[in-house]
């Protein structure tokens, strides 16, 4: 379960950077949620990983 949380956190961090790049590519005219929502899931999975550690 710990390994699963680690993999999820890595995926969501990557999605956060992809979302930030998407926002930057469109000069900030799209919603910031493209980067914020994956970051929230990344934080939750990182917290879950640290609890299991």
N, C-alpha and C. Protein backbone atom coordinates (compact mmCIF):
# COMPACT_ATOMS: atom_id res chain seq x y z
N UNK A 1 0.82 -1.19 0.00
CA UNK A 1 0.00 0.00 0.00
C UNK A 1 0.87 1.26 0.00
N UNK A 2 2.01 1.16 0.69
CA UNK A 2 2.92 2.29 0.74
C UNK A 2 3.49 2.59 -0.64
N UNK A 3 3.83 1.56 -1.36
CA UNK A 3 4.39 1.70 -2.71
C UNK A 3 3.36 2.32 -3.66
N UNK A 4 2.09 1.90 -3.50
CA UNK A 4 1.00 2.44 -4.33
C UNK A 4 0.84 3.94 -4.09
N UNK A 5 0.93 4.37 -2.83
CA UNK A 5 0.81 5.80 -2.51
C UNK A 5 1.99 6.57 -3.09
N UNK A 6 3.16 5.98 -3.09
CA UNK A 6 4.33 6.64 -3.66
C UNK A 6 4.18 6.80 -5.17
N UNK A 7 3.71 5.78 -5.84
CA UNK A 7 3.52 5.85 -7.29
C UNK A 7 2.45 6.89 -7.63
N UNK A 8 1.35 6.89 -6.87
CA UNK A 8 0.30 7.89 -7.10
C UNK A 8 0.82 9.31 -6.91
N UNK A 9 1.62 9.51 -5.89
CA UNK A 9 2.13 10.86 -5.66
C UNK A 9 3.04 11.31 -6.80
N UNK A 10 3.85 10.42 -7.32
CA UNK A 10 4.72 10.76 -8.45
C UNK A 10 3.88 11.11 -9.68
N UNK A 11 2.86 10.32 -9.94
CA UNK A 11 1.99 10.58 -11.09
C UNK A 11 1.30 11.93 -10.96
N UNK A 12 0.78 12.22 -9.77
CA UNK A 12 0.07 13.49 -9.58
C UNK A 12 1.00 14.69 -9.60
N UNK A 13 2.24 14.52 -9.16
CA UNK A 13 3.20 15.63 -9.26
C UNK A 13 3.52 15.91 -10.72
N UNK A 14 3.67 14.85 -11.50
CA UNK A 14 3.92 15.03 -12.94
C UNK A 14 2.72 15.71 -13.60
N UNK A 15 1.51 15.29 -13.24
CA UNK A 15 0.31 15.93 -13.79
C UNK A 15 0.21 17.40 -13.37
N UNK A 16 0.70 17.72 -12.19
CA UNK A 16 0.70 19.11 -11.74
C UNK A 16 1.59 19.96 -12.64
N UNK A 17 2.78 19.45 -12.94
CA UNK A 17 3.68 20.21 -13.80
C UNK A 17 3.15 20.29 -15.23
N UNK A 18 2.49 19.24 -15.69
CA UNK A 18 1.88 19.29 -17.03
C UNK A 18 0.76 20.33 -17.04
N UNK A 19 -0.05 20.36 -16.00
CA UNK A 19 -1.11 21.36 -15.90
C UNK A 19 -0.57 22.77 -15.82
N UNK A 20 0.51 22.96 -15.08
CA UNK A 20 1.13 24.29 -15.01
C UNK A 20 1.69 24.71 -16.36
N UNK A 21 2.28 23.76 -17.07
CA UNK A 21 2.76 24.06 -18.42
C UNK A 21 1.63 24.40 -19.37
N UNK A 22 0.50 23.72 -19.22
CA UNK A 22 -0.67 24.01 -20.05
C UNK A 22 -1.17 25.42 -19.78
N UNK A 23 -1.21 25.80 -18.52
CA UNK A 23 -1.64 27.16 -18.16
C UNK A 23 -0.67 28.18 -18.72
N UNK A 24 0.62 27.89 -18.60
CA UNK A 24 1.64 28.81 -19.09
C UNK A 24 1.58 28.92 -20.61
N UNK A 25 1.34 27.81 -21.29
CA UNK A 25 1.25 27.80 -22.75
C UNK A 25 0.10 28.66 -23.24
N UNK A 26 -0.99 28.67 -22.49
CA UNK A 26 -2.16 29.47 -22.87
C UNK A 26 -2.16 30.84 -22.21
N UNK A 27 -1.02 31.26 -21.70
CA UNK A 27 -0.81 32.59 -21.14
C UNK A 27 -1.77 32.92 -19.99
N UNK A 28 -2.13 31.93 -19.22
CA UNK A 28 -2.95 32.15 -18.03
C UNK A 28 -4.42 32.37 -18.30
N UNK A 29 -4.89 32.10 -19.51
CA UNK A 29 -6.30 32.33 -19.83
C UNK A 29 -7.17 31.13 -19.48
N UNK A 30 -6.59 30.00 -19.17
CA UNK A 30 -7.36 28.82 -18.78
C UNK A 30 -7.39 28.73 -17.26
N UNK A 31 -8.23 27.87 -16.76
CA UNK A 31 -8.42 27.74 -15.32
C UNK A 31 -7.16 27.20 -14.63
N UNK A 32 -6.90 27.73 -13.44
CA UNK A 32 -5.76 27.27 -12.65
C UNK A 32 -6.00 25.88 -12.07
N UNK A 33 -7.22 25.41 -12.16
CA UNK A 33 -7.56 24.09 -11.66
C UNK A 33 -6.80 22.97 -12.35
N UNK A 34 -6.31 23.22 -13.55
CA UNK A 34 -5.53 22.21 -14.25
C UNK A 34 -4.26 21.87 -13.48
N UNK A 35 -3.76 22.77 -12.67
CA UNK A 35 -2.57 22.50 -11.87
C UNK A 35 -2.90 22.28 -10.40
N UNK A 36 -3.95 22.93 -9.92
CA UNK A 36 -4.26 22.88 -8.49
C UNK A 36 -4.86 21.53 -8.08
N UNK A 37 -5.76 21.01 -8.87
CA UNK A 37 -6.44 19.76 -8.51
C UNK A 37 -5.46 18.59 -8.43
N UNK A 38 -4.57 18.39 -9.42
CA UNK A 38 -3.59 17.30 -9.26
C UNK A 38 -2.66 17.51 -8.07
N UNK A 39 -2.34 18.78 -7.76
CA UNK A 39 -1.47 19.04 -6.62
C UNK A 39 -2.15 18.66 -5.31
N UNK A 40 -3.45 18.89 -5.21
CA UNK A 40 -4.16 18.47 -4.01
C UNK A 40 -4.13 16.96 -3.84
N UNK A 41 -4.35 16.24 -4.93
CA UNK A 41 -4.27 14.78 -4.87
C UNK A 41 -2.85 14.31 -4.56
N UNK A 42 -1.85 15.03 -5.08
CA UNK A 42 -0.46 14.68 -4.78
C UNK A 42 -0.17 14.88 -3.30
N UNK A 43 -0.65 15.97 -2.74
CA UNK A 43 -0.42 16.21 -1.31
C UNK A 43 -1.09 15.16 -0.45
N UNK A 44 -2.29 14.76 -0.82
CA UNK A 44 -3.00 13.73 -0.05
C UNK A 44 -2.26 12.40 -0.13
N UNK A 45 -1.80 12.04 -1.32
CA UNK A 45 -1.10 10.76 -1.44
C UNK A 45 0.27 10.80 -0.76
N UNK A 46 0.93 11.97 -0.76
CA UNK A 46 2.20 12.08 -0.04
C UNK A 46 1.98 11.97 1.46
N UNK A 47 0.92 12.59 1.96
CA UNK A 47 0.60 12.47 3.38
C UNK A 47 0.28 11.02 3.76
N UNK A 48 -0.46 10.34 2.89
CA UNK A 48 -0.78 8.94 3.13
C UNK A 48 0.49 8.09 3.14
N UNK A 49 1.40 8.37 2.22
CA UNK A 49 2.66 7.66 2.16
C UNK A 49 3.48 7.87 3.43
N UNK A 50 3.51 9.10 3.91
CA UNK A 50 4.30 9.41 5.10
C UNK A 50 3.68 8.79 6.35
N UNK A 51 2.36 8.65 6.38
CA UNK A 51 1.71 8.00 7.53
C UNK A 51 2.06 6.51 7.57
N UNK A 52 2.12 5.88 6.43
CA UNK A 52 2.43 4.45 6.36
C UNK A 52 3.91 4.17 6.58
N UNK A 53 4.73 5.19 6.44
CA UNK A 53 6.18 5.01 6.63
C UNK A 53 6.46 4.90 8.08
